[in-house]
């Protein structure tokens, strides 16, 4: 009953947090000015579309690259990259004016609450780290009992990941049980300052802030989503398509996925050039190129060869995280049924 009550609290938070990984810095309806100038819509098979992407997240690279390298244009789209808050994304996805977004498993409770989207592909691994002060004796999840953990928001993905991590170590993630305490910080830099001052014991953070702090010698990483045994080798972020567009114009989603898969393959084979494009286009506020390249590589964007060998299974990863969120009370629908209902395999030959 405690876990079910937590869901009711989280529902209100999750209704405000339909966002891609790292999108806590988003604003609304800001067009991207870098990249190629859009041509007349008559040159494009599918015309002009808006894709939310301008949130400063390094892990949104496939959208940036598909835009800058012309992969969207090749597939018939005149893409306008925008930043968008939750309400804009929700309305756009539900009415079909926004056909696709990238996001993590934080979306799953939002889908359960009625947002009309489906998982249609995997995007990447990793992108969240937990850091502590350099002199901290905290090393594992078991050491977090009685500790204070900073997150970007209650119900957000770092909070969910931390909850799964401590629950798997036998520690209750419920605030009312008092075994751990989560404190929200809307600004990652403020979260780090709280860590340095001792206000919190651990900072659960989106990349690249935790990695930057570690490289500067101000923190040490105790958890990396891309390498932790419970999460390694699994997509943490997925591509979500509007139900309406999937039903009315399935070939459009097929074409978008082809463009994004071209971008993922290009990133996998050209991480250095990817970072150059991201920095030049000001898509992410990171100045340390070497660190950015290291992070991009750690996300393991799937190449064509990876897909051909079925290196990762999107449906299996969806099911894994559905079960993990169900076990800690963040989902209430029977896991097997829910996992099957939110994933749809798209025929990539449509519209060719």
Protein backbone atom coordinates (compact mmCIF):
# COMPACT_ATOMS: atom_id res chain seq x y z
CA UNK A 1 0.00 0.00 0.00
CA UNK A 2 2.93 2.31 0.72
CA UNK A 3 4.29 1.74 -2.77
CA UNK A 4 0.89 2.31 -4.35
CA UNK A 5 0.53 5.58 -2.45
CA UNK A 6 3.91 6.64 -3.78
CA UNK A 7 2.56 6.20 -7.30
CA UNK A 8 -0.20 8.70 -6.62
CA UNK A 9 2.35 11.27 -5.49
CA UNK A 10 4.63 10.54 -8.42
CA UNK A 11 1.78 10.80 -10.92
CA UNK A 12 1.53 14.53 -10.34
CA UNK A 13 5.27 14.95 -10.74
CA UNK A 14 5.46 12.73 -13.81
CA UNK A 15 2.71 14.68 -15.50
CA UNK A 16 5.16 17.59 -15.48
CA UNK A 17 8.20 15.63 -16.58
CA UNK A 18 7.62 14.12 -20.04
CA UNK A 19 11.09 14.95 -21.29
CA UNK A 20 14.14 13.37 -22.86
CA UNK A 21 17.18 12.59 -20.80
CA UNK A 22 18.80 15.75 -19.57
CA UNK A 23 15.92 17.96 -20.69
CA UNK A 24 15.53 19.73 -17.35
CA UNK A 25 17.03 22.83 -18.95
CA UNK A 26 14.39 22.99 -21.70
CA UNK A 27 12.41 26.06 -22.65
CA UNK A 28 9.47 26.26 -24.99
CA UNK A 29 9.28 26.70 -28.77
CA UNK A 30 12.79 27.98 -29.37
CA UNK A 31 13.90 27.18 -32.92
CA UNK A 32 17.45 26.08 -33.66
CA UNK A 33 19.33 28.63 -35.74
CA UNK A 34 22.40 26.58 -36.62
CA UNK A 35 22.63 24.11 -39.49
CA UNK A 36 21.24 24.26 -43.00
CA UNK A 37 18.58 26.75 -44.00
CA UNK A 38 15.26 25.02 -44.67
CA UNK A 39 14.15 24.92 -48.29
CA UNK A 40 10.61 25.18 -49.64
CA UNK A 41 8.30 22.44 -48.34
CA UNK A 42 7.55 21.22 -51.88
CA UNK A 43 11.07 19.75 -52.01
CA UNK A 44 10.25 17.37 -49.18
CA UNK A 45 8.05 14.29 -49.40
CA UNK A 46 6.72 14.73 -45.86
CA UNK A 47 7.03 18.52 -45.60
CA UNK A 48 8.04 20.39 -42.48
CA UNK A 49 7.90 18.86 -38.99
CA UNK A 50 8.92 19.95 -35.50
CA UNK A 51 11.12 17.71 -33.36
CA UNK A 52 11.86 18.65 -29.73
CA UNK A 53 15.62 18.39 -29.28
CA UNK A 54 17.10 21.64 -27.99
CA UNK A 55 17.49 20.70 -24.34
CA UNK A 56 21.29 20.80 -24.09
CA UNK A 57 21.58 17.03 -23.58
CA UNK A 58 24.70 15.49 -25.09
CA UNK A 59 22.93 12.16 -25.47
CA UNK A 60 20.45 13.67 -27.99
CA UNK A 61 23.24 13.44 -30.58
CA UNK A 62 21.34 11.31 -33.15
CA UNK A 63 18.78 14.08 -33.68
CA UNK A 64 21.49 16.74 -34.02
CA UNK A 65 23.48 14.59 -36.45
CA UNK A 66 20.45 13.55 -38.52
CA UNK A 67 19.69 17.26 -38.88
CA UNK A 68 23.21 18.48 -39.62
CA UNK A 69 24.25 15.60 -41.91
CA UNK A 70 21.05 15.80 -43.95
CA UNK A 71 19.66 12.39 -43.01
CA UNK A 72 16.23 13.86 -42.23
CA UNK A 73 16.23 15.64 -45.59
CA UNK A 74 17.23 12.44 -47.41
CA UNK A 75 14.16 10.75 -45.94
CA UNK A 76 11.84 13.56 -47.02
CA UNK A 77 11.66 15.86 -43.98
CA UNK A 78 12.24 19.58 -43.55
CA UNK A 79 12.95 19.38 -39.82
CA UNK A 80 12.62 22.29 -37.42
CA UNK A 81 14.41 21.54 -34.13
CA UNK A 82 12.67 23.12 -31.15
CA UNK A 83 12.82 23.08 -27.38
CA UNK A 84 9.52 22.16 -25.75
CA UNK A 85 8.14 21.83 -22.26
CA UNK A 86 5.96 18.94 -21.14
CA UNK A 87 2.65 20.44 -22.19
CA UNK A 88 3.95 21.23 -25.68
CA UNK A 89 5.28 17.68 -26.10
CA UNK A 90 2.13 16.11 -24.68
CA UNK A 91 -0.22 18.07 -26.91
CA UNK A 92 2.00 17.56 -29.95
CA UNK A 93 2.33 13.82 -29.46
CA UNK A 94 -1.37 13.34 -28.75
CA UNK A 95 -2.55 15.31 -31.81
CA UNK A 96 0.27 14.16 -34.08
CA UNK A 97 1.90 17.55 -34.74
CA UNK A 98 5.04 16.19 -33.05
CA UNK A 99 5.65 12.74 -34.54
CA UNK A 100 8.64 11.54 -32.51
CA UNK A 101 10.68 12.36 -29.40
CA UNK A 102 13.60 10.79 -27.59
CA UNK A 103 13.32 9.94 -23.92
CA UNK A 104 14.14 7.49 -21.15
CA UNK A 105 12.10 5.01 -19.11
CA UNK A 106 10.75 7.95 -17.10
CA UNK A 107 8.14 8.02 -19.89
CA UNK A 108 6.65 4.69 -18.82
CA UNK A 109 4.59 6.03 -15.88
CA UNK A 110 3.48 8.93 -18.08
CA UNK A 111 2.21 6.46 -20.69
CA UNK A 112 0.37 4.60 -17.93
CA UNK A 113 -1.24 7.93 -17.03
CA UNK A 114 -2.59 8.31 -20.59
CA UNK A 115 0.05 9.93 -22.83
CA UNK A 116 -0.54 8.44 -26.30
CA UNK A 117 2.91 7.30 -27.43
CA UNK A 118 4.69 4.04 -28.19
CA UNK A 119 8.32 2.98 -27.87
CA UNK A 120 9.50 2.35 -31.44
CA UNK A 121 13.28 1.95 -31.08
CA UNK A 122 16.26 2.14 -28.75
CA UNK A 123 18.42 5.26 -28.67
CA UNK A 124 21.46 4.66 -26.46
CA UNK A 125 22.84 3.31 -23.17
CA UNK A 126 24.05 5.22 -20.12
CA UNK A 127 23.96 9.01 -19.36
CA UNK A 128 23.45 9.19 -15.56
CA UNK A 129 26.09 9.09 -12.83
CA UNK A 130 26.03 9.26 -9.04
CA UNK A 131 28.89 11.20 -7.48
CA UNK A 132 30.13 11.71 -3.92
CA UNK A 133 32.78 13.92 -2.34
CA UNK A 134 36.37 12.71 -2.89
CA UNK A 135 36.76 11.87 0.84
CA UNK A 136 33.44 10.03 1.12
CA UNK A 137 33.42 6.41 2.31
CA UNK A 138 30.29 5.67 0.24
CA UNK A 139 31.12 3.04 -2.39
CA UNK A 140 28.06 0.86 -3.03
CA UNK A 141 24.28 1.00 -2.91
CA UNK A 142 24.32 -0.64 0.53
CA UNK A 143 26.27 2.35 1.85
CA UNK A 144 23.36 4.66 1.01
CA UNK A 145 21.16 3.62 3.93
CA UNK A 146 20.44 6.73 5.99
CA UNK A 147 21.97 9.03 3.38
CA UNK A 148 20.66 12.08 1.54
CA UNK A 149 20.58 11.83 -2.27
CA UNK A 150 20.25 14.84 -4.55
CA UNK A 151 18.16 14.49 -7.74
CA UNK A 152 16.81 16.88 -10.36
CA UNK A 153 13.18 16.14 -9.42
CA UNK A 154 11.16 13.61 -7.45
CA UNK A 155 9.86 11.16 -10.05
CA UNK A 156 12.56 12.10 -12.57
CA UNK A 157 14.87 9.53 -14.10
CA UNK A 158 17.87 10.01 -11.76
CA UNK A 159 15.41 9.54 -8.88
CA UNK A 160 13.97 6.42 -10.50
CA UNK A 161 17.42 4.97 -11.22
CA UNK A 162 18.58 5.65 -7.65
CA UNK A 163 15.38 4.06 -6.33
CA UNK A 164 15.92 0.91 -8.38
CA UNK A 165 19.58 0.78 -7.29
CA UNK A 166 18.88 1.01 -3.55
CA UNK A 167 15.84 -1.27 -3.67
CA UNK A 168 17.95 -3.97 -5.36
CA UNK A 169 20.36 -3.62 -2.43
CA UNK A 170 17.54 -4.24 0.06
CA UNK A 171 17.01 -0.58 1.03
CA UNK A 172 13.56 1.01 0.79
CA UNK A 173 13.40 3.97 -1.59
CA UNK A 174 10.18 5.23 0.01
CA UNK A 175 10.68 8.58 1.69
CA UNK A 176 8.30 7.68 4.53
CA UNK A 177 10.40 4.63 5.46
CA UNK A 178 13.32 6.96 6.19
CA UNK A 179 16.02 4.63 4.88
CA UNK A 180 17.10 7.18 2.25
CA UNK A 181 16.12 10.80 1.69
CA UNK A 182 15.80 12.35 -1.77
CA UNK A 183 16.23 16.11 -2.13
CA UNK A 184 15.33 17.81 -5.46
CA UNK A 185 17.48 20.49 -7.11
CA UNK A 186 16.20 22.08 -10.33
CA UNK A 187 19.73 23.21 -11.21
CA UNK A 188 22.54 20.66 -11.46
CA UNK A 189 25.17 23.16 -10.37
CA UNK A 190 23.21 23.85 -7.19
CA UNK A 191 23.03 20.10 -6.60
CA UNK A 192 26.82 19.89 -6.85
CA UNK A 193 27.24 22.81 -4.45
CA UNK A 194 24.95 21.00 -2.00
CA UNK A 195 27.20 17.95 -2.31
CA UNK A 196 30.38 19.94 -1.71
CA UNK A 197 28.89 21.68 1.35
CA UNK A 198 27.62 18.44 2.90
CA UNK A 199 23.92 19.20 2.51
CA UNK A 200 23.60 15.92 0.57
CA UNK A 201 25.78 12.81 0.55
CA UNK A 202 25.26 11.78 -3.08
CA UNK A 203 24.36 13.65 -6.26
CA UNK A 204 22.44 11.62 -8.87
CA UNK A 205 23.00 13.56 -12.08
CA UNK A 206 22.61 13.69 -15.83
CA UNK A 207 25.80 13.81 -17.87
CA UNK A 208 28.02 15.70 -18.25
CA UNK A 209 27.97 17.49 -14.84
CA UNK A 210 29.02 14.51 -12.72
CA UNK A 211 31.80 13.58 -15.12
CA UNK A 212 33.06 17.17 -15.28
CA UNK A 213 33.16 17.31 -11.46
CA UNK A 214 35.06 14.03 -11.31
CA UNK A 215 37.61 15.16 -13.88
CA UNK A 216 38.16 18.38 -11.91
CA UNK A 217 38.89 16.31 -8.79
CA UNK A 218 35.86 17.67 -6.95
CA UNK A 219 33.91 14.39 -6.85
CA UNK A 220 34.20 10.69 -7.48
CA UNK A 221 31.75 8.47 -9.35
CA UNK A 222 30.18 5.56 -7.45
CA UNK A 223 27.56 4.66 -10.08
CA UNK A 224 27.61 4.82 -13.88
CA UNK A 225 24.40 3.86 -15.67
CA UNK A 226 26.38 2.67 -18.69
CA UNK A 227 28.51 0.17 -16.71
CA UNK A 228 26.54 -0.82 -13.60
CA UNK A 229 25.64 -4.54 -13.78
CA UNK A 230 21.92 -3.84 -13.33
CA UNK A 231 21.81 -1.45 -16.29
CA UNK A 232 24.82 -2.15 -18.53
CA UNK A 233 24.13 -3.30 -22.08
CA UNK A 234 20.54 -2.04 -21.97
CA UNK A 235 18.91 0.91 -23.68
CA UNK A 236 18.07 3.49 -21.03
CA UNK A 237 16.71 5.92 -23.61
CA UNK A 238 14.27 5.13 -26.39
CA UNK A 239 12.52 6.74 -29.33
CA UNK A 240 8.80 7.39 -28.78
CA UNK A 241 6.32 7.92 -31.61
CA UNK A 242 2.89 9.53 -31.54
CA UNK A 243 0.12 6.89 -31.57
CA UNK A 244 -1.84 9.05 -33.99
CA UNK A 245 0.98 9.27 -36.53
CA UNK A 246 1.74 5.56 -36.16
CA UNK A 247 -1.86 4.74 -37.05
CA UNK A 248 -2.52 7.41 -39.70
CA UNK A 249 0.93 7.76 -41.34
CA UNK A 250 3.10 4.77 -40.40
CA UNK A 251 5.43 5.44 -43.34
CA UNK A 252 6.37 8.78 -41.78
CA UNK A 253 7.58 7.09 -38.57
CA UNK A 254 9.42 4.52 -40.67
CA UNK A 255 11.25 7.27 -42.57
CA UNK A 256 12.14 9.10 -39.34
CA UNK A 257 13.58 5.93 -37.84
CA UNK A 258 15.66 5.32 -40.96
CA UNK A 259 17.11 8.83 -40.64
CA UNK A 260 17.86 8.40 -36.95
CA UNK A 261 19.41 4.97 -37.45
CA UNK A 262 21.70 6.46 -40.11
CA UNK A 263 22.70 9.05 -37.51
CA UNK A 264 23.32 6.44 -34.82
CA UNK A 265 25.53 4.47 -37.21
CA UNK A 266 27.43 7.64 -38.17
CA UNK A 267 27.99 8.55 -34.50
CA UNK A 268 29.19 5.04 -33.70
CA UNK A 269 31.82 5.32 -36.44
CA UNK A 270 32.65 9.03 -36.03
CA UNK A 271 32.53 10.03 -32.32
CA UNK A 272 35.15 12.79 -32.64
CA UNK A 273 33.41 14.44 -35.59
CA UNK A 274 30.09 14.07 -33.78
CA UNK A 275 31.38 16.12 -30.86
CA UNK A 276 32.82 18.74 -33.24
CA UNK A 277 29.37 19.17 -34.79
CA UNK A 278 27.65 19.34 -31.39
CA UNK A 279 30.08 21.96 -30.07
CA UNK A 280 29.99 24.03 -33.26
CA UNK A 281 26.18 23.94 -33.37
CA UNK A 282 25.98 24.76 -29.63
CA UNK A 283 23.68 21.81 -29.05
CA UNK A 284 25.26 21.02 -25.67
CA UNK A 285 27.15 23.25 -23.26
CA UNK A 286 30.32 21.22 -22.90
CA UNK A 287 33.74 22.65 -23.72
CA UNK A 288 35.92 19.64 -22.92
CA UNK A 289 36.03 17.78 -26.23
CA UNK A 290 37.96 14.78 -24.90
CA UNK A 291 35.42 14.25 -22.13
CA UNK A 292 32.51 14.72 -24.55
CA UNK A 293 33.97 12.10 -26.92
CA UNK A 294 34.45 9.71 -23.99
CA UNK A 295 30.81 10.16 -22.97
CA UNK A 296 29.47 9.77 -26.51
CA UNK A 297 31.38 6.51 -26.87
CA UNK A 298 30.03 5.27 -23.53
CA UNK A 299 26.44 5.68 -24.76
CA UNK A 300 27.05 2.87 -27.29
CA UNK A 301 24.91 4.25 -30.12
CA UNK A 302 24.07 1.20 -32.25
CA UNK A 303 25.82 0.86 -35.61
CA UNK A 304 24.38 -0.97 -38.62
CA UNK A 305 26.55 -3.95 -37.69
CA UNK A 306 25.19 -3.92 -34.13
CA UNK A 307 21.63 -3.95 -35.42
CA UNK A 308 22.38 -6.72 -37.92
CA UNK A 309 23.76 -8.90 -35.14
CA UNK A 310 20.87 -8.04 -32.80
CA UNK A 311 23.36 -6.82 -30.19
CA UNK A 312 20.53 -5.25 -28.19
CA UNK A 313 16.86 -6.16 -27.93
CA UNK A 314 14.55 -3.14 -27.61
CA UNK A 315 11.52 -5.16 -26.49
CA UNK A 316 13.56 -7.01 -23.86
CA UNK A 317 14.99 -3.76 -22.49
CA UNK A 318 11.51 -2.21 -22.32
CA UNK A 319 10.30 -5.25 -20.40
CA UNK A 320 13.29 -5.12 -18.03
CA UNK A 321 12.68 -1.53 -17.00
CA UNK A 322 8.91 -2.00 -16.81
CA UNK A 323 9.49 -4.82 -14.32
CA UNK A 324 12.03 -2.76 -12.37
CA UNK A 325 9.63 0.19 -12.05
CA UNK A 326 6.72 -2.11 -11.19
CA UNK A 327 8.74 -3.79 -8.43
CA UNK A 328 9.35 -0.47 -6.66
CA UNK A 329 5.77 0.76 -7.14
CA UNK A 330 6.26 3.30 -9.94
CA UNK A 331 3.96 1.30 -12.23
CA UNK A 332 0.76 -0.48 -11.25
CA UNK A 333 -0.20 -2.28 -14.49
CA UNK A 334 0.73 -5.96 -14.80
CA UNK A 335 4.29 -5.78 -16.23
CA UNK A 336 4.11 -8.32 -19.06
CA UNK A 337 0.90 -6.83 -20.43
CA UNK A 338 2.11 -3.24 -20.06
CA UNK A 339 5.49 -3.90 -21.70
CA UNK A 340 3.80 -5.47 -24.71
CA UNK A 341 1.30 -2.62 -25.00
CA UNK A 342 3.86 0.22 -25.09
CA UNK A 343 6.30 -1.20 -27.66
CA UNK A 344 5.62 -1.35 -31.39
CA UNK A 345 8.09 -2.72 -33.94
CA UNK A 346 8.02 -0.53 -37.07
CA UNK A 347 8.44 -1.83 -40.61
CA UNK A 348 11.39 0.24 -41.87
CA UNK A 349 10.57 -0.49 -45.51
CA UNK A 350 7.38 1.58 -45.42
CA UNK A 351 7.45 4.63 -47.70
CA UNK A 352 10.65 3.68 -49.51
